N, C-alpha and C. Protein backbone atom coordinates (compact mmCIF):
# COMPACT_ATOMS: atom_id res chain seq x y z
N MET A 1 64.06 265.31 217.52
CA MET A 1 63.80 263.89 217.41
C MET A 1 65.02 263.07 217.83
N LEU A 2 66.21 263.37 217.26
CA LEU A 2 67.39 262.57 217.60
C LEU A 2 67.82 262.75 219.05
N ARG A 3 67.52 263.91 219.61
CA ARG A 3 67.93 264.12 221.00
C ARG A 3 67.17 263.22 221.97
N ASP A 4 66.02 262.74 221.53
CA ASP A 4 65.24 261.83 222.36
C ASP A 4 65.65 260.37 222.17
N MET A 5 66.53 260.12 221.21
CA MET A 5 66.93 258.75 220.89
C MET A 5 68.29 258.41 221.47
N LYS A 6 68.37 257.24 222.01
CA LYS A 6 69.63 256.74 222.56
C LYS A 6 70.18 255.69 221.61
N ALA A 7 71.42 255.90 221.12
CA ALA A 7 72.05 254.91 220.24
C ALA A 7 72.56 253.75 221.09
N TYR A 8 72.26 252.54 220.67
CA TYR A 8 72.72 251.38 221.42
C TYR A 8 73.50 250.41 220.55
N GLY A 9 73.68 250.74 219.30
CA GLY A 9 74.47 249.89 218.41
C GLY A 9 75.08 250.70 217.30
N HIS A 10 76.33 250.42 217.00
CA HIS A 10 77.05 251.11 215.92
C HIS A 10 77.81 250.04 215.16
N LEU A 11 77.42 249.83 213.91
CA LEU A 11 78.02 248.74 213.13
C LEU A 11 78.73 249.27 211.90
N LYS A 12 79.81 248.59 211.55
CA LYS A 12 80.55 248.91 210.33
C LYS A 12 79.98 248.10 209.18
N PRO A 13 80.11 248.61 207.93
CA PRO A 13 79.60 247.85 206.78
C PRO A 13 80.19 246.44 206.74
N GLY A 14 79.31 245.47 206.48
CA GLY A 14 79.74 244.08 206.41
C GLY A 14 79.42 243.28 207.65
N GLN A 15 79.20 243.97 208.78
CA GLN A 15 78.83 243.26 209.99
C GLN A 15 77.37 242.80 209.89
N SER A 16 77.05 241.80 210.70
CA SER A 16 75.69 241.29 210.72
C SER A 16 74.73 242.42 211.08
N GLY A 17 73.67 242.58 210.30
CA GLY A 17 72.72 243.66 210.52
C GLY A 17 72.91 244.81 209.54
N THR A 18 73.96 244.72 208.71
CA THR A 18 74.21 245.79 207.73
C THR A 18 74.16 245.29 206.30
N LEU A 19 74.01 243.99 206.11
CA LEU A 19 74.16 243.40 204.78
C LEU A 19 73.18 243.95 203.74
N GLU A 20 71.90 244.14 204.11
CA GLU A 20 70.94 244.67 203.14
C GLU A 20 71.28 246.11 202.76
N LEU A 21 71.82 246.87 203.71
CA LEU A 21 72.20 248.25 203.40
C LEU A 21 73.48 248.30 202.57
N VAL A 22 74.38 247.34 202.76
CA VAL A 22 75.58 247.25 201.92
C VAL A 22 75.16 246.97 200.48
N GLU A 23 74.18 246.08 200.30
CA GLU A 23 73.68 245.80 198.95
C GLU A 23 73.04 247.04 198.33
N GLN A 24 72.34 247.82 199.14
CA GLN A 24 71.64 249.00 198.65
C GLN A 24 72.58 250.16 198.35
N PHE A 25 73.55 250.42 199.24
CA PHE A 25 74.39 251.62 199.11
C PHE A 25 75.82 251.32 198.68
N GLY A 26 76.24 250.07 198.77
CA GLY A 26 77.61 249.72 198.35
C GLY A 26 78.67 250.39 199.20
N ASP A 27 79.74 250.89 198.54
CA ASP A 27 80.85 251.48 199.29
C ASP A 27 80.54 252.88 199.80
N ARG A 28 79.35 253.39 199.51
CA ARG A 28 78.94 254.69 200.06
C ARG A 28 78.50 254.58 201.52
N LEU A 29 78.20 253.35 201.99
CA LEU A 29 77.76 253.14 203.37
C LEU A 29 78.93 253.35 204.32
N ILE A 30 78.76 254.22 205.29
CA ILE A 30 79.81 254.50 206.27
C ILE A 30 79.56 253.72 207.56
N CYS A 31 78.33 253.76 208.08
CA CYS A 31 78.00 253.00 209.28
C CYS A 31 76.49 252.86 209.43
N VAL A 32 76.09 251.96 210.31
CA VAL A 32 74.68 251.74 210.63
C VAL A 32 74.54 251.88 212.14
N ARG A 33 73.52 252.60 212.56
CA ARG A 33 73.28 252.78 213.99
C ARG A 33 71.88 252.27 214.33
N TYR A 34 71.79 251.67 215.48
CA TYR A 34 70.49 251.28 216.03
C TYR A 34 70.21 252.24 217.18
N ARG A 35 69.01 252.79 217.16
CA ARG A 35 68.62 253.76 218.18
C ARG A 35 67.29 253.35 218.81
N TYR A 36 67.05 253.88 220.02
CA TYR A 36 65.78 253.65 220.69
C TYR A 36 65.17 255.01 221.01
N ASP A 37 63.94 255.21 220.57
CA ASP A 37 63.21 256.45 220.84
C ASP A 37 62.33 256.21 222.05
N ALA A 38 62.69 256.81 223.17
CA ALA A 38 61.95 256.61 224.41
C ALA A 38 60.57 257.25 224.37
N VAL A 39 60.40 258.29 223.57
CA VAL A 39 59.10 258.97 223.48
C VAL A 39 58.08 258.08 222.78
N THR A 40 58.45 257.52 221.64
CA THR A 40 57.51 256.70 220.87
C THR A 40 57.67 255.21 221.15
N GLU A 41 58.68 254.87 221.95
CA GLU A 41 59.01 253.48 222.28
C GLU A 41 59.26 252.65 221.03
N GLU A 42 60.00 253.24 220.07
CA GLU A 42 60.32 252.55 218.82
C GLU A 42 61.83 252.38 218.68
N HIS A 43 62.20 251.31 218.03
CA HIS A 43 63.59 251.09 217.65
C HIS A 43 63.76 251.60 216.23
N VAL A 44 64.87 252.27 215.96
CA VAL A 44 65.11 252.88 214.64
C VAL A 44 66.49 252.45 214.16
N LYS A 45 66.55 252.04 212.91
CA LYS A 45 67.82 251.68 212.27
C LYS A 45 68.17 252.81 211.30
N THR A 46 69.35 253.44 211.47
CA THR A 46 69.76 254.54 210.61
C THR A 46 71.03 254.15 209.86
N ALA A 47 71.19 254.74 208.69
CA ALA A 47 72.38 254.50 207.88
C ALA A 47 73.05 255.83 207.57
N GLU A 48 74.36 255.87 207.76
CA GLU A 48 75.13 257.05 207.37
C GLU A 48 75.79 256.72 206.05
N ILE A 49 75.51 257.55 205.04
CA ILE A 49 76.08 257.30 203.72
C ILE A 49 76.86 258.51 203.24
N SER A 50 77.80 258.26 202.36
CA SER A 50 78.58 259.32 201.73
C SER A 50 77.82 259.78 200.50
N VAL A 51 77.56 261.09 200.39
CA VAL A 51 76.81 261.60 199.24
C VAL A 51 77.70 262.34 198.25
N ALA A 52 78.93 262.70 198.65
CA ALA A 52 79.85 263.38 197.73
C ALA A 52 81.28 263.18 198.22
N ARG A 53 82.19 263.11 197.27
CA ARG A 53 83.62 263.03 197.56
C ARG A 53 84.35 263.90 196.56
N TRP A 54 85.46 264.50 196.99
CA TRP A 54 86.28 265.27 196.07
C TRP A 54 87.71 265.28 196.57
N ARG A 55 88.62 265.48 195.65
CA ARG A 55 90.04 265.51 195.98
C ARG A 55 90.44 266.92 196.39
N GLY A 56 91.41 266.99 197.22
CA GLY A 56 91.93 268.29 197.65
C GLY A 56 92.94 268.08 198.76
N THR A 57 93.61 269.12 199.11
CA THR A 57 94.58 269.02 200.18
C THR A 57 93.85 268.91 201.50
N GLN A 58 94.52 268.29 202.43
CA GLN A 58 93.93 268.09 203.75
C GLN A 58 93.82 269.43 204.46
N LEU A 59 92.68 269.68 205.06
CA LEU A 59 92.52 270.88 205.86
C LEU A 59 93.06 270.60 207.25
N ASN A 60 93.98 271.42 207.67
CA ASN A 60 94.55 271.24 209.00
C ASN A 60 93.76 272.09 209.98
N ARG A 61 93.07 271.42 210.82
CA ARG A 61 92.27 272.13 211.81
C ARG A 61 92.88 271.87 213.17
N PHE A 62 93.40 272.92 213.74
CA PHE A 62 94.01 272.81 215.06
C PHE A 62 93.21 273.65 216.04
N ARG A 63 93.13 273.18 217.25
CA ARG A 63 92.56 273.99 218.32
C ARG A 63 93.66 274.87 218.88
N ASP A 64 93.29 275.94 219.54
CA ASP A 64 94.29 276.88 220.07
C ASP A 64 95.27 276.20 221.01
N ARG A 65 94.84 275.22 221.77
CA ARG A 65 95.72 274.59 222.75
C ARG A 65 96.57 273.46 222.18
N ASP A 66 96.35 273.09 220.92
CA ASP A 66 97.11 272.00 220.30
C ASP A 66 98.57 272.38 220.14
N LEU A 67 99.45 271.45 220.46
CA LEU A 67 100.88 271.63 220.28
C LEU A 67 101.22 271.26 218.84
N VAL A 68 101.85 272.18 218.12
CA VAL A 68 102.22 271.93 216.74
C VAL A 68 103.72 272.03 216.58
N VAL A 69 104.22 271.46 215.49
CA VAL A 69 105.64 271.48 215.18
C VAL A 69 105.86 272.41 214.00
N VAL A 70 106.77 273.37 214.18
CA VAL A 70 107.03 274.37 213.15
C VAL A 70 108.50 274.28 212.74
N GLU A 71 108.73 274.27 211.43
CA GLU A 71 110.10 274.23 210.91
C GLU A 71 110.54 275.63 210.53
N VAL A 72 111.55 276.12 211.22
CA VAL A 72 112.15 277.41 210.92
C VAL A 72 113.66 277.23 211.02
N SER A 73 114.37 277.63 209.98
CA SER A 73 115.81 277.43 209.97
C SER A 73 116.49 278.44 210.89
N TYR A 74 117.73 278.15 211.23
CA TYR A 74 118.51 278.98 212.15
C TYR A 74 118.72 280.39 211.59
N THR A 75 118.80 280.54 210.30
CA THR A 75 119.09 281.84 209.69
C THR A 75 117.89 282.79 209.69
N GLU A 76 116.71 282.29 209.99
CA GLU A 76 115.50 283.12 209.97
C GLU A 76 115.24 283.71 211.36
N LYS A 77 116.02 284.70 211.69
CA LYS A 77 116.01 285.26 213.03
C LYS A 77 114.65 285.86 213.41
N ARG A 78 114.00 286.58 212.50
CA ARG A 78 112.73 287.22 212.81
C ARG A 78 111.68 286.17 213.20
N LEU A 79 111.63 285.06 212.45
CA LEU A 79 110.66 284.01 212.77
C LEU A 79 111.01 283.31 214.07
N ARG A 80 112.29 283.12 214.32
CA ARG A 80 112.70 282.50 215.59
C ARG A 80 112.29 283.38 216.76
N GLU A 81 112.44 284.68 216.60
CA GLU A 81 112.04 285.61 217.67
C GLU A 81 110.52 285.57 217.89
N GLU A 82 109.75 285.44 216.80
CA GLU A 82 108.29 285.31 216.93
C GLU A 82 107.93 284.05 217.70
N LEU A 83 108.62 282.97 217.42
CA LEU A 83 108.35 281.71 218.11
C LEU A 83 108.72 281.80 219.59
N LYS A 84 109.84 282.45 219.88
CA LYS A 84 110.23 282.63 221.28
C LYS A 84 109.19 283.47 222.02
N ALA A 85 108.70 284.54 221.36
CA ALA A 85 107.69 285.41 221.97
C ALA A 85 106.38 284.66 222.19
N ALA A 86 106.12 283.66 221.36
CA ALA A 86 104.90 282.84 221.48
C ALA A 86 105.11 281.68 222.45
N ASP A 87 106.20 281.71 223.19
CA ASP A 87 106.54 280.67 224.17
C ASP A 87 106.84 279.33 223.51
N GLY A 88 107.40 279.40 222.30
CA GLY A 88 107.79 278.18 221.60
C GLY A 88 109.05 277.59 222.20
N ARG A 89 109.22 276.30 222.07
CA ARG A 89 110.39 275.59 222.59
C ARG A 89 111.14 274.94 221.45
N TRP A 90 112.44 275.16 221.40
CA TRP A 90 113.31 274.60 220.38
C TRP A 90 113.69 273.18 220.76
N ASP A 91 113.60 272.25 219.82
CA ASP A 91 114.02 270.87 220.03
C ASP A 91 115.29 270.67 219.20
N PRO A 92 116.45 270.72 219.85
CA PRO A 92 117.71 270.63 219.10
C PRO A 92 117.93 269.27 218.45
N GLU A 93 117.36 268.23 219.01
CA GLU A 93 117.53 266.89 218.44
C GLU A 93 116.77 266.76 217.12
N GLU A 94 115.52 267.23 217.09
CA GLU A 94 114.68 267.15 215.89
C GLU A 94 114.85 268.37 214.99
N ARG A 95 115.42 269.44 215.54
CA ARG A 95 115.63 270.71 214.83
C ARG A 95 114.31 271.33 214.38
N VAL A 96 113.34 271.35 215.30
CA VAL A 96 112.03 271.95 215.06
C VAL A 96 111.60 272.71 216.31
N TRP A 97 110.58 273.53 216.15
CA TRP A 97 109.99 274.28 217.26
C TRP A 97 108.67 273.63 217.65
N HIS A 98 108.39 273.61 218.95
CA HIS A 98 107.11 273.14 219.48
C HIS A 98 106.42 274.36 220.08
N VAL A 99 105.20 274.60 219.64
CA VAL A 99 104.47 275.79 220.11
C VAL A 99 102.97 275.52 220.04
N ARG A 100 102.20 276.21 220.87
CA ARG A 100 100.74 276.09 220.84
C ARG A 100 100.21 276.82 219.61
N TYR A 101 99.28 276.19 218.92
CA TYR A 101 98.74 276.75 217.69
C TYR A 101 98.12 278.13 217.92
N GLY A 102 97.41 278.30 219.00
CA GLY A 102 96.75 279.58 219.29
C GLY A 102 97.72 280.74 219.37
N ALA A 103 98.97 280.47 219.71
CA ALA A 103 99.97 281.53 219.83
C ALA A 103 100.52 281.98 218.49
N ILE A 104 100.36 281.16 217.44
CA ILE A 104 100.92 281.52 216.13
C ILE A 104 99.88 281.62 215.03
N LYS A 105 98.61 281.38 215.32
CA LYS A 105 97.60 281.31 214.26
C LYS A 105 97.43 282.61 213.49
N ALA A 106 97.82 283.73 214.07
CA ALA A 106 97.71 285.02 213.38
C ALA A 106 98.83 285.23 212.36
N SER A 107 99.88 284.43 212.44
CA SER A 107 101.02 284.56 211.53
C SER A 107 100.90 283.52 210.41
N ALA A 108 100.48 283.97 209.23
CA ALA A 108 100.31 283.05 208.09
C ALA A 108 101.63 282.39 207.73
N GLU A 109 102.73 283.10 207.91
CA GLU A 109 104.04 282.54 207.57
C GLU A 109 104.41 281.37 208.48
N LEU A 110 104.13 281.50 209.78
CA LEU A 110 104.43 280.40 210.71
C LEU A 110 103.44 279.25 210.51
N VAL A 111 102.18 279.56 210.29
CA VAL A 111 101.17 278.51 210.09
C VAL A 111 101.52 277.68 208.85
N SER A 112 102.03 278.32 207.82
CA SER A 112 102.38 277.59 206.60
C SER A 112 103.57 276.65 206.81
N ARG A 113 104.30 276.84 207.89
CA ARG A 113 105.47 276.00 208.16
C ARG A 113 105.19 274.88 209.16
N ILE A 114 103.93 274.71 209.54
CA ILE A 114 103.56 273.63 210.46
C ILE A 114 103.76 272.30 209.76
N ARG A 115 104.45 271.38 210.44
CA ARG A 115 104.65 270.03 209.89
C ARG A 115 103.48 269.16 210.31
N THR A 116 102.69 268.74 209.34
CA THR A 116 101.53 267.91 209.65
C THR A 116 101.89 266.43 209.70
N ASP A 117 103.08 266.07 209.21
CA ASP A 117 103.49 264.66 209.21
C ASP A 117 104.21 264.27 210.49
N TYR A 118 104.45 265.19 211.39
CA TYR A 118 105.20 264.91 212.61
C TYR A 118 104.35 264.13 213.60
N ARG A 119 104.92 263.11 214.19
CA ARG A 119 104.23 262.30 215.21
C ARG A 119 104.98 262.41 216.52
N TYR A 120 104.25 262.77 217.58
CA TYR A 120 104.87 262.84 218.89
C TYR A 120 105.15 261.44 219.41
N LYS A 121 106.27 261.31 220.07
CA LYS A 121 106.70 260.00 220.58
C LYS A 121 106.09 259.73 221.93
């Protein structure tokens, strides 16, 4: 059914066209979409709502080709050698390693040292 529908509008809560759904769902409303079903020639208004929330640590999901930053001190020779073998590059200014995630994902020790707060310039 959805594959036959073309979305032509995406609204955030509070925008015109979402007010009745904001009243109905409150802060659980994430977005409202307007779609057109070419098969039935009908317009459809859909609402995306949050049905559950829970606290927890952020799951870091990296693709194999993603460049990640790994902190390994100078005294940890074995880990430095692993990073070199994985084609990692040392950044002497930031004192971190840059390496593709796919090259280190098998090493739980290196993955645990990925800096998720690092922002590339």
